Amino acid sequence: MANTTSNTTAKTNDPAKTYTLDDFIAMQSQDELTYANFALLIHEYNMDIAECTLLDYYLDELKTLSLKITSFTDEQIRKYKYAPDLLAYDTYGSTQLDFIVMLCNGIIDPKEFDFKQSYLLLPKSSILKEFLSEIYNAESDWMSINRSALKAAKNS
């Protein structure tokens, strides 16, 4: 039987435990390295739409931090096929970094994560979080401008 917790300040994302929906939502806001925090948004048709991410402008640098993985076992293919979020969790400790796995491999939709290409590019986990933090900090002014423009568009 899996462990259960109802502590809404849960700080870990442990797949061996079960959480309440409130726990899960609380974990989302604690992780700064998410797609939402790197997305440049526009407001159209009464909703926020991701136009692109900051990482689109740093893709070449991100790829230089990546290793080319060319060999996959049948078990790995079964486990990770259509599940870049699970690969991100096993590799980086966060499902929120699935967008990195997809971005590095030119994939937009998890349904495209099917191992039909002969290799995967995966950034080294030892330096990925530092790289992402540097970009996030370096581009904080741009993100502030984007969020202000988004707020103004919502209010107009």
C-alpha atoms as a PDB file:
ATOM      1  CA  MET A   1       0.000   0.000   0.000  1.00  0.00           C
ATOM      2  CA  ALA A   2       1.360   3.434  -0.936  1.00  0.00           C
ATOM      3  CA  ASN A   3       2.113   6.077   1.653  1.00  0.00           C
ATOM      4  CA  THR A   4      -0.391   8.883   1.847  1.00  0.00           C
ATOM      5  CA  THR A   5       0.026  12.448   2.936  1.00  0.00           C
ATOM      6  CA  SER A   6      -2.263  15.414   3.168  1.00  0.00           C
ATOM      7  CA  ASN A   7       0.369  18.005   3.985  1.00  0.00           C
ATOM      8  CA  THR A   8      -0.286  20.845   1.544  1.00  0.00           C
ATOM      9  CA  THR A   9       3.273  22.060   1.935  1.00  0.00           C
ATOM     10  CA  ALA A  10       4.741  18.856   0.484  1.00  0.00           C
ATOM     11  CA  LYS A  11       8.072  19.769  -1.085  1.00  0.00           C
ATOM     12  CA  THR A  12       8.949  16.570  -2.906  1.00  0.00           C
ATOM     13  CA  ASN A  13       7.452  14.978  -5.949  1.00  0.00           C
ATOM     14  CA  ASP A  14       7.735  11.315  -4.967  1.00  0.00           C
ATOM     15  CA  PRO A  15       5.853   8.966  -7.311  1.00  0.00           C
ATOM     16  CA  ALA A  16       5.817   6.264  -4.614  1.00  0.00           C
ATOM     17  CA  LYS A  17       3.491   8.385  -2.465  1.00  0.00           C
ATOM     18  CA  THR A  18      -0.022   9.568  -3.058  1.00  0.00           C
ATOM     19  CA  TYR A  19      -1.017  13.178  -2.612  1.00  0.00           C
ATOM     20  CA  THR A  20      -4.176  15.201  -2.393  1.00  0.00           C
ATOM     21  CA  LEU A  21      -5.000  17.545  -5.236  1.00  0.00           C
ATOM     22  CA  ASP A  22      -4.123  20.473  -2.944  1.00  0.00           C
ATOM     23  CA  ASP A  23      -0.684  18.911  -2.339  1.00  0.00           C
ATOM     24  CA  PHE A  24      -0.123  18.574  -6.066  1.00  0.00           C
ATOM     25  CA  ILE A  25      -1.148  22.144  -6.786  1.00  0.00           C
ATOM     26  CA  ALA A  26       1.132  23.392  -3.983  1.00  0.00           C
ATOM     27  CA  MET A  27       4.083  21.509  -5.497  1.00  0.00           C
ATOM     28  CA  GLN A  28       3.543  23.213  -8.861  1.00  0.00           C
ATOM     29  CA  SER A  29       4.057  26.679  -7.433  1.00  0.00           C
ATOM     30  CA  GLN A  30       7.233  25.650  -5.602  1.00  0.00           C
ATOM     31  CA  ASP A  31       9.056  24.595  -8.753  1.00  0.00           C
ATOM     32  CA  GLU A  32      10.455  27.645 -10.558  1.00  0.00           C
ATOM     33  CA  LEU A  33      11.862  25.628 -13.453  1.00  0.00           C
ATOM     34  CA  THR A  34       8.597  25.090 -15.313  1.00  0.00           C
ATOM     35  CA  TYR A  35       7.372  25.684 -18.833  1.00  0.00           C
ATOM     36  CA  ALA A  36       5.042  28.405 -17.559  1.00  0.00           C
ATOM     37  CA  ASN A  37       7.923  30.376 -16.053  1.00  0.00           C
ATOM     38  CA  PHE A  38       9.921  30.277 -19.290  1.00  0.00           C
ATOM     39  CA  ALA A  39       6.999  30.906 -21.648  1.00  0.00           C
ATOM     40  CA  LEU A  40       6.492  34.252 -23.352  1.00  0.00           C
ATOM     41  CA  LEU A  41       2.737  34.712 -23.306  1.00  0.00           C
ATOM     42  CA  ILE A  42       0.206  36.653 -25.312  1.00  0.00           C
ATOM     43  CA  HIS A  43      -3.450  37.187 -24.447  1.00  0.00           C
ATOM     44  CA  GLU A  44      -5.820  36.386 -27.289  1.00  0.00           C
ATOM     45  CA  TYR A  45      -9.352  35.047 -27.493  1.00  0.00           C
ATOM     46  CA  ASN A  46      -9.752  35.571 -23.740  1.00  0.00           C
ATOM     47  CA  MET A  47      -6.900  33.227 -22.813  1.00  0.00           C
ATOM     48  CA  ASP A  48      -3.153  33.237 -22.266  1.00  0.00           C
ATOM     49  CA  ILE A  49      -1.255  31.539 -25.083  1.00  0.00           C
ATOM     50  CA  ALA A  50       2.430  30.600 -25.066  1.00  0.00           C
ATOM     51  CA  GLU A  51       3.999  32.267 -28.080  1.00  0.00           C
ATOM     52  CA  CYS A  52       7.412  30.694 -27.431  1.00  0.00           C
ATOM     53  CA  THR A  53       9.802  30.099 -24.557  1.00  0.00           C
ATOM     54  CA  LEU A  54      12.956  31.907 -23.559  1.00  0.00           C
ATOM     55  CA  LEU A  55      14.785  28.658 -24.238  1.00  0.00           C
ATOM     56  CA  ASP A  56      13.925  28.871 -27.930  1.00  0.00           C
ATOM     57  CA  TYR A  57      16.534  31.648 -28.044  1.00  0.00           C
ATOM     58  CA  TYR A  58      19.090  29.497 -26.195  1.00  0.00           C
ATOM     59  CA  LEU A  59      18.469  26.198 -27.967  1.00  0.00           C
ATOM     60  CA  ASP A  60      21.964  25.981 -29.487  1.00  0.00           C
ATOM     61  CA  GLU A  61      23.556  26.471 -26.061  1.00  0.00           C
ATOM     62  CA  LEU A  62      21.157  23.966 -24.510  1.00  0.00           C
ATOM     63  CA  LYS A  63      22.074  21.387 -27.117  1.00  0.00           C
ATOM     64  CA  THR A  64      25.788  21.857 -26.386  1.00  0.00           C
ATOM     65  CA  LEU A  65      25.014  20.795 -22.796  1.00  0.00           C
ATOM     66  CA  SER A  66      23.341  17.648 -24.098  1.00  0.00           C
ATOM     67  CA  LEU A  67      24.521  14.135 -24.641  1.00  0.00           C
ATOM     68  CA  LYS A  68      23.471  12.146 -27.696  1.00  0.00           C
ATOM     69  CA  ILE A  69      21.785   8.961 -26.474  1.00  0.00           C
ATOM     70  CA  THR A  70      21.757   6.317 -29.207  1.00  0.00           C
ATOM     71  CA  SER A  71      20.938   3.076 -27.442  1.00  0.00           C
ATOM     72  CA  PHE A  72      17.629   2.196 -25.797  1.00  0.00           C
ATOM     73  CA  THR A  73      16.511  -1.093 -24.331  1.00  0.00           C
ATOM     74  CA  ASP A  74      13.069  -2.459 -25.149  1.00  0.00           C
ATOM     75  CA  GLU A  75      12.131  -1.854 -21.515  1.00  0.00           C
ATOM     76  CA  GLN A  76      13.205   1.816 -21.741  1.00  0.00           C
ATOM     77  CA  ILE A  77      11.222   2.305 -24.937  1.00  0.00           C
ATOM     78  CA  ARG A  78       8.113   0.775 -23.323  1.00  0.00           C
ATOM     79  CA  LYS A  79       8.571   2.895 -20.203  1.00  0.00           C
ATOM     80  CA  TYR A  80       9.239   6.262 -21.842  1.00  0.00           C
ATOM     81  CA  LYS A  81       7.353   6.039 -25.147  1.00  0.00           C
ATOM     82  CA  TYR A  82       4.899   8.978 -25.183  1.00  0.00           C
ATOM     83  CA  ALA A  83       6.096   9.890 -21.672  1.00  0.00           C
ATOM     84  CA  PRO A  84       8.773  12.602 -21.796  1.00  0.00           C
ATOM     85  CA  ASP A  85       7.514  13.701 -18.382  1.00  0.00           C
ATOM     86  CA  LEU A  86       8.483  10.341 -16.883  1.00  0.00           C
ATOM     87  CA  LEU A  87      11.920  10.512 -18.523  1.00  0.00           C
ATOM     88  CA  ALA A  88      12.308  14.057 -17.167  1.00  0.00           C
ATOM     89  CA  TYR A  89      11.379  12.862 -13.690  1.00  0.00           C
ATOM     90  CA  ASP A  90      13.812   9.936 -13.799  1.00  0.00           C
ATOM     91  CA  THR A  91      16.575  12.107 -15.290  1.00  0.00           C
ATOM     92  CA  TYR A  92      16.091  15.484 -13.591  1.00  0.00           C
ATOM     93  CA  GLY A  93      13.821  14.750 -10.621  1.00  0.00           C
ATOM     94  CA  SER A  94      10.910  16.800 -11.990  1.00  0.00           C
ATOM     95  CA  THR A  95       8.151  16.061 -14.469  1.00  0.00           C
ATOM     96  CA  GLN A  96       8.023  19.827 -15.042  1.00  0.00           C
ATOM     97  CA  LEU A  97      11.189  19.598 -17.151  1.00  0.00           C
ATOM     98  CA  ASP A  98       9.555  17.467 -19.837  1.00  0.00           C
ATOM     99  CA  PHE A  99       9.494  20.557 -22.056  1.00  0.00           C
ATOM    100  CA  ILE A 100      13.323  20.494 -22.024  1.00  0.00           C
ATOM    101  CA  VAL A 101      13.372  16.886 -23.252  1.00  0.00           C
ATOM    102  CA  MET A 102      10.894  17.744 -26.003  1.00  0.00           C
ATOM    103  CA  LEU A 103      12.550  21.049 -26.969  1.00  0.00           C
ATOM    104  CA  CYS A 104      16.000  19.465 -27.371  1.00  0.00           C
ATOM    105  CA  ASN A 105      14.529  16.834 -29.651  1.00  0.00           C
ATOM    106  CA  GLY A 106      12.279  19.039 -31.790  1.00  0.00           C
ATOM    107  CA  ILE A 107       9.114  17.552 -30.321  1.00  0.00           C
ATOM    108  CA  ILE A 108       6.016  19.618 -29.648  1.00  0.00           C
ATOM    109  CA  ASP A 109       3.546  16.962 -28.520  1.00  0.00           C
ATOM    110  CA  PRO A 110       4.254  14.011 -26.187  1.00  0.00           C
ATOM    111  CA  LYS A 111       2.571  11.765 -28.796  1.00  0.00           C
ATOM    112  CA  GLU A 112       5.627  12.452 -30.977  1.00  0.00           C
ATOM    113  CA  PHE A 113       7.937  11.045 -28.274  1.00  0.00           C
ATOM    114  CA  ASP A 114       7.941   7.607 -29.880  1.00  0.00           C
ATOM    115  CA  PHE A 115      11.645   6.714 -30.247  1.00  0.00           C
ATOM    116  CA  LYS A 116      11.399   6.619 -34.061  1.00  0.00           C
ATOM    117  CA  GLN A 117      14.441   8.882 -34.375  1.00  0.00           C
ATOM    118  CA  SER A 118      17.777   7.147 -33.917  1.00  0.00           C
ATOM    119  CA  TYR A 119      18.856   9.208 -30.911  1.00  0.00           C
ATOM    120  CA  LEU A 120      17.752  11.564 -28.147  1.00  0.00           C
ATOM    121  CA  LEU A 121      19.517  14.704 -27.000  1.00  0.00           C
ATOM    122  CA  LEU A 122      19.346  15.062 -23.240  1.00  0.00           C
ATOM    123  CA  PRO A 123      21.016  17.890 -21.326  1.00  0.00           C
ATOM    124  CA  LYS A 124      23.333  16.745 -18.557  1.00  0.00           C
ATOM    125  CA  SER A 125      21.409  16.864 -15.305  1.00  0.00           C
ATOM    126  CA  SER A 126      24.463  18.052 -13.377  1.00  0.00           C
ATOM    127  CA  ILE A 127      24.425  21.456 -15.105  1.00  0.00           C
ATOM    128  CA  LEU A 128      20.863  21.844 -16.429  1.00  0.00           C
ATOM    129  CA  LYS A 129      19.314  23.531 -13.401  1.00  0.00           C
ATOM    130  CA  GLU A 130      22.181  26.024 -13.156  1.00  0.00           C
ATOM    131  CA  PHE A 131      21.868  26.806 -16.884  1.00  0.00           C
ATOM    132  CA  LEU A 132      18.106  27.325 -16.573  1.00  0.00           C
ATOM    133  CA  SER A 133      18.538  29.523 -13.506  1.00  0.00           C
ATOM    134  CA  GLU A 134      21.095  31.673 -15.324  1.00  0.00           C
ATOM    135  CA  ILE A 135      18.702  32.199 -18.244  1.00  0.00           C
ATOM    136  CA  TYR A 136      15.772  32.877 -15.931  1.00  0.00           C
ATOM    137  CA  ASN A 137      17.795  35.485 -14.004  1.00  0.00           C
ATOM    138  CA  ALA A 138      19.371  37.055 -17.112  1.00  0.00           C
ATOM    139  CA  GLU A 139      16.000  37.444 -18.811  1.00  0.00           C
ATOM    140  CA  SER A 140      13.957  38.494 -15.764  1.00  0.00           C
ATOM    141  CA  ASP A 141      13.472  42.028 -17.156  1.00  0.00           C
ATOM    142  CA  TRP A 142      12.135  40.633 -20.424  1.00  0.00           C
ATOM    143  CA  MET A 143       9.796  38.312 -18.525  1.00  0.00           C
ATOM    144  CA  SER A 144       8.570  41.257 -16.409  1.00  0.00           C
ATOM    145  CA  ILE A 145       7.840  43.270 -19.536  1.00  0.00           C
ATOM    146  CA  ASN A 146       6.015  40.290 -21.045  1.00  0.00           C
ATOM    147  CA  ARG A 147       3.916  39.727 -17.910  1.00  0.00           C
ATOM    148  CA  SER A 148       3.096  43.457 -17.654  1.00  0.00           C
ATOM    149  CA  ALA A 149       1.985  43.511 -21.287  1.00  0.00           C
ATOM    150  CA  LEU A 150      -0.065  40.383 -20.646  1.00  0.00           C
ATOM    151  CA  LYS A 151      -1.751  41.994 -17.651  1.00  0.00           C
ATOM    152  CA  ALA A 152      -2.465  45.153 -19.657  1.00  0.00           C
ATOM    153  CA  ALA A 153      -3.955  43.091 -22.508  1.00  0.00           C
ATOM    154  CA  LYS A 154      -6.249  41.313 -20.042  1.00  0.00           C
ATOM    155  CA  ASN A 155      -7.427  44.622 -18.618  1.00  0.00           C
ATOM    156  CA  SER A 156      -8.148  46.260 -21.969  1.00  0.00           C
END
